[in-house]
Amino acid sequence: MDDITSRDDEKGRAMAQEKGREEEKTSQRERELATEKGRKQGEQEERARENAREKQKGMGTGVKIIISLIVLAIIVVVVAWFSLNVSITNVTPGNALPFTTNYGVTFPEGQTITIGNTHINVLSYQNEIISDIDGDRQKLVVGEDRVISERRAVITTLGVITLVDTNFQINLKYKGNRDNVAYFDMAVHTSRQVPDILLKQLLPAEINAQPI
């Protein structure tokens, strides 16, 4: 009887030891899994931080590139603007001039103004004005017209790029004078549509042309 009890106790101890070993193995696996999970999570977080740094670096580089391109474009525009050149030549009249831009202009009396290759000088006399265009003098009263004959204008930039190539003719309508300044309505007729910013390259600053 004692032998049977002893064997039962021994068997119980063996089962308890086996159970303890199994629990220890299970606990060890759980610790290993937790460690591996923590390691993977740390790697993922590090990769996320690295990706964020790379993205921020890439965005910084992209912004720098965009700023550089904008600065370069501004420089090119400024250089192109200051290298504008206007060439005026005579042409045979009679070409179609379907486009018209109107300005209100003033001519200071007694001062020669150059429009293209045309020289204009005006001087008031009583209720009239004497207009001298390239040596051809005419008297004008308020409401009368004077025509600057057809010319060809070529506007280039950077020495080789043609921006405008058009024929043009200018009509001046005398509107009266005040304080030694003669007022005219000016109609600029062109063979092509020309942006106002370029069309004004034909007109000297002295006449203060304002679109009407």
Protein backbone atom coordinates (compact mmCIF):
# COMPACT_ATOMS: atom_id res chain seq x y z
CA MET A 1 0.00 0.00 0.00
CA ASP A 2 2.85 2.31 0.88
CA ASP A 3 4.50 1.44 -2.44
CA ILE A 4 1.38 2.38 -4.34
CA THR A 5 1.11 5.69 -2.47
CA SER A 6 4.79 6.39 -3.05
CA ARG A 7 4.46 5.75 -6.76
CA ASP A 8 1.40 8.02 -6.92
CA ASP A 9 3.27 10.80 -5.14
CA GLU A 10 6.24 10.38 -7.43
CA LYS A 11 4.01 10.41 -10.47
CA GLY A 12 2.29 13.55 -9.19
CA ARG A 13 5.63 15.25 -8.62
CA ALA A 14 6.73 14.26 -12.13
CA MET A 15 3.53 15.64 -13.64
CA ALA A 16 3.92 18.86 -11.64
CA GLN A 17 7.50 19.21 -12.82
CA GLU A 18 6.44 18.56 -16.40
CA LYS A 19 3.66 21.11 -16.05
CA GLY A 20 6.13 23.61 -14.61
CA ARG A 21 8.49 23.03 -17.51
CA GLU A 22 5.65 23.52 -19.99
CA GLU A 23 4.59 26.73 -18.27
CA GLU A 24 8.20 27.92 -18.30
CA LYS A 25 8.46 27.15 -22.03
CA THR A 26 5.17 28.95 -22.66
CA SER A 27 6.35 31.94 -20.64
CA GLN A 28 9.68 31.93 -22.49
CA ARG A 29 7.92 31.88 -25.86
CA GLU A 30 5.66 34.75 -24.78
CA ARG A 31 8.71 36.76 -23.69
CA GLU A 32 10.44 35.99 -26.99
CA LEU A 33 7.32 36.98 -28.95
CA ALA A 34 7.01 40.19 -26.96
CA THR A 35 10.69 40.95 -27.56
CA GLU A 36 10.35 40.26 -31.29
CA LYS A 37 7.20 42.38 -31.46
CA GLY A 38 8.96 45.23 -29.70
CA ARG A 39 11.94 44.92 -32.04
CA LYS A 40 9.72 44.98 -35.12
CA GLN A 41 7.73 47.93 -33.77
CA GLY A 42 10.98 49.78 -33.09
CA GLU A 43 12.17 49.07 -36.64
CA GLN A 44 8.88 50.28 -38.06
CA GLU A 45 9.03 53.47 -35.99
CA GLU A 46 12.63 54.05 -37.08
CA ARG A 47 11.70 53.50 -40.73
CA ALA A 48 8.77 55.91 -40.30
CA ARG A 49 11.09 58.54 -38.81
CA GLU A 50 13.61 57.96 -41.60
CA ASN A 51 10.89 58.25 -44.24
CA ALA A 52 9.67 61.46 -42.61
CA ARG A 53 13.21 62.87 -42.64
CA GLU A 54 13.66 61.86 -46.30
CA LYS A 55 10.29 63.35 -47.21
CA GLN A 56 11.12 66.59 -45.39
CA LYS A 57 14.52 66.66 -47.07
CA GLY A 58 12.89 66.02 -50.46
CA MET A 59 10.34 68.78 -49.86
CA GLY A 60 13.13 71.15 -48.88
CA THR A 61 15.03 70.28 -52.04
CA GLY A 62 11.87 70.71 -54.14
CA VAL A 63 11.20 74.14 -52.62
CA LYS A 64 14.79 75.17 -53.32
CA ILE A 65 14.48 74.01 -56.93
CA ILE A 66 11.18 75.89 -57.38
CA ILE A 67 12.66 79.07 -55.86
CA SER A 68 15.73 78.74 -58.10
CA LEU A 69 13.53 78.36 -61.19
CA ILE A 70 11.43 81.40 -60.20
CA VAL A 71 14.55 83.50 -59.64
CA LEU A 72 15.97 82.32 -62.97
CA ALA A 73 12.70 83.14 -64.75
CA ILE A 74 12.66 86.64 -63.21
CA ILE A 75 16.26 87.21 -64.30
CA VAL A 76 15.46 86.07 -67.84
CA VAL A 77 12.38 88.33 -67.98
CA VAL A 78 14.34 91.34 -66.69
CA VAL A 79 17.20 90.75 -69.12
CA ALA A 80 14.74 90.23 -71.99
CA TRP A 81 12.86 93.43 -71.09
CA PHE A 82 15.97 95.60 -70.91
CA SER A 83 17.29 94.12 -74.15
CA LEU A 84 14.16 95.10 -76.13
CA ASN A 85 15.04 96.73 -79.41
CA VAL A 86 12.62 98.53 -81.74
CA SER A 87 13.47 98.84 -85.43
CA ILE A 88 11.32 101.12 -87.64
CA THR A 89 11.49 101.06 -91.43
CA ASN A 90 9.45 102.62 -94.21
CA VAL A 91 7.01 100.50 -96.20
CA THR A 92 4.73 100.97 -99.16
CA PRO A 93 1.32 102.17 -97.84
CA GLY A 94 -1.83 100.21 -98.53
CA ASN A 95 -1.52 97.15 -96.30
CA ALA A 96 -4.50 95.98 -94.26
CA LEU A 97 -4.40 97.47 -90.75
CA PRO A 98 -7.43 95.93 -89.02
CA PHE A 99 -6.36 96.42 -85.40
CA THR A 100 -6.67 99.77 -83.64
CA THR A 101 -5.56 100.95 -80.18
CA ASN A 102 -6.60 104.39 -78.99
CA TYR A 103 -4.70 106.69 -76.65
CA GLY A 104 -5.06 110.16 -75.26
CA VAL A 105 -1.68 111.88 -75.62
CA THR A 106 -0.04 115.22 -74.92
CA PHE A 107 2.75 116.89 -76.89
CA PRO A 108 4.89 119.51 -75.14
CA GLU A 109 5.07 122.52 -77.43
CA GLY A 110 8.34 123.35 -79.12
CA GLN A 111 9.93 120.01 -78.23
CA THR A 112 10.79 117.48 -80.95
CA ILE A 113 9.26 114.09 -80.20
CA THR A 114 10.37 110.94 -81.99
CA ILE A 115 7.92 108.13 -82.73
CA GLY A 116 9.82 105.36 -84.45
CA ASN A 117 11.82 107.21 -87.09
CA THR A 118 9.33 110.08 -87.31
CA HIS A 119 10.13 113.46 -85.75
CA ILE A 120 7.20 115.57 -84.56
CA ASN A 121 7.15 119.13 -83.30
CA VAL A 122 4.04 121.15 -82.43
CA LEU A 123 3.62 124.85 -81.65
CA SER A 124 0.38 126.69 -80.98
CA TYR A 125 -0.50 129.86 -82.87
CA GLN A 126 -3.64 131.75 -81.83
CA ASN A 127 -6.44 129.14 -82.08
CA GLU A 128 -4.42 126.82 -84.29
CA ILE A 129 -1.46 124.54 -83.88
CA ILE A 130 1.40 124.13 -86.31
CA SER A 131 2.38 120.49 -86.57
CA ASP A 132 5.74 119.64 -88.09
CA ILE A 133 6.19 115.98 -89.05
CA ASP A 134 9.55 115.23 -90.63
CA GLY A 135 9.72 118.79 -91.98
CA ASP A 136 6.18 118.78 -93.40
CA ARG A 137 4.28 121.58 -91.65
CA GLN A 138 0.53 121.80 -91.41
CA LYS A 139 -1.81 124.02 -89.42
CA LEU A 140 -4.52 122.25 -87.44
CA VAL A 141 -7.62 123.51 -85.71
CA VAL A 142 -9.44 121.57 -83.01
CA GLY A 143 -10.97 118.40 -84.48
CA GLU A 144 -8.63 118.15 -87.50
CA ASP A 145 -6.48 115.07 -88.16
CA ARG A 146 -2.86 114.54 -89.00
CA VAL A 147 -1.61 111.17 -90.23
CA ILE A 148 1.81 109.62 -89.69
CA SER A 149 2.24 107.42 -92.73
CA GLU A 150 2.56 103.66 -92.57
CA ARG A 151 5.72 102.12 -91.16
CA ARG A 152 6.98 98.68 -90.26
CA ALA A 153 7.99 97.96 -86.65
CA VAL A 154 10.03 94.97 -85.52
CA ILE A 155 10.51 94.51 -81.78
CA THR A 156 13.17 92.01 -80.75
CA THR A 157 14.67 90.85 -77.47
CA LEU A 158 17.94 89.20 -76.51
CA GLY A 159 19.20 90.23 -79.93
CA VAL A 160 17.60 87.33 -81.83
CA ILE A 161 14.03 86.75 -80.61
CA THR A 162 11.32 88.60 -82.56
CA LEU A 163 8.36 89.56 -80.37
CA VAL A 164 6.47 91.78 -82.82
CA ASP A 165 6.64 92.30 -86.57
CA THR A 166 3.83 94.59 -87.69
CA ASN A 167 2.99 97.47 -90.00
CA PHE A 168 1.44 100.47 -88.28
CA GLN A 169 -0.05 103.85 -89.04
CA ILE A 170 -0.83 106.65 -86.57
CA ASN A 171 -3.73 109.09 -86.79
CA LEU A 172 -3.64 112.21 -84.60
CA LYS A 173 -6.76 114.29 -83.90
CA TYR A 174 -6.05 117.69 -82.35
CA LYS A 175 -8.10 118.33 -79.19
CA GLY A 176 -6.77 121.74 -78.19
CA ASN A 177 -3.97 122.99 -76.00
CA ARG A 178 -3.48 124.22 -72.46
CA ASP A 179 -0.43 125.45 -70.55
CA ASN A 180 1.89 124.91 -73.53
CA VAL A 181 0.75 121.31 -73.94
CA ALA A 182 -1.11 120.12 -77.04
CA TYR A 183 -3.75 117.43 -76.61
CA PHE A 184 -4.43 114.76 -79.22
CA ASP A 185 -6.45 111.60 -79.62
CA MET A 186 -4.09 109.03 -81.11
CA ALA A 187 -5.25 105.95 -83.01
CA VAL A 188 -2.55 103.37 -83.71
CA HIS A 189 -3.61 101.03 -86.54
CA THR A 190 -1.61 97.78 -86.85
CA SER A 191 -1.56 94.82 -89.18
CA ARG A 192 -1.35 92.44 -86.22
CA GLN A 193 -2.73 92.42 -82.71
CA VAL A 194 0.00 93.85 -80.50
CA PRO A 195 -0.11 93.77 -76.66
CA ASP A 196 -0.31 97.26 -75.19
CA ILE A 197 2.89 96.76 -73.19
CA LEU A 198 4.80 96.19 -76.45
CA LEU A 199 2.88 98.74 -78.51
CA LYS A 200 3.95 101.42 -76.05
CA GLN A 201 7.55 100.66 -76.97
CA LEU A 202 6.81 102.65 -80.15
CA LEU A 203 5.70 105.68 -78.15
CA PRO A 204 8.12 107.97 -76.28
CA ALA A 205 7.48 108.68 -72.61
CA GLU A 206 7.31 112.44 -73.32
CA ILE A 207 3.84 112.18 -74.87
CA ASN A 208 2.28 110.47 -71.82
CA ALA A 209 0.03 108.08 -73.77
CA GLN A 210 -3.02 106.87 -71.84
CA PRO A 211 -5.36 104.20 -73.29
CA ILE A 212 -8.88 105.46 -74.00
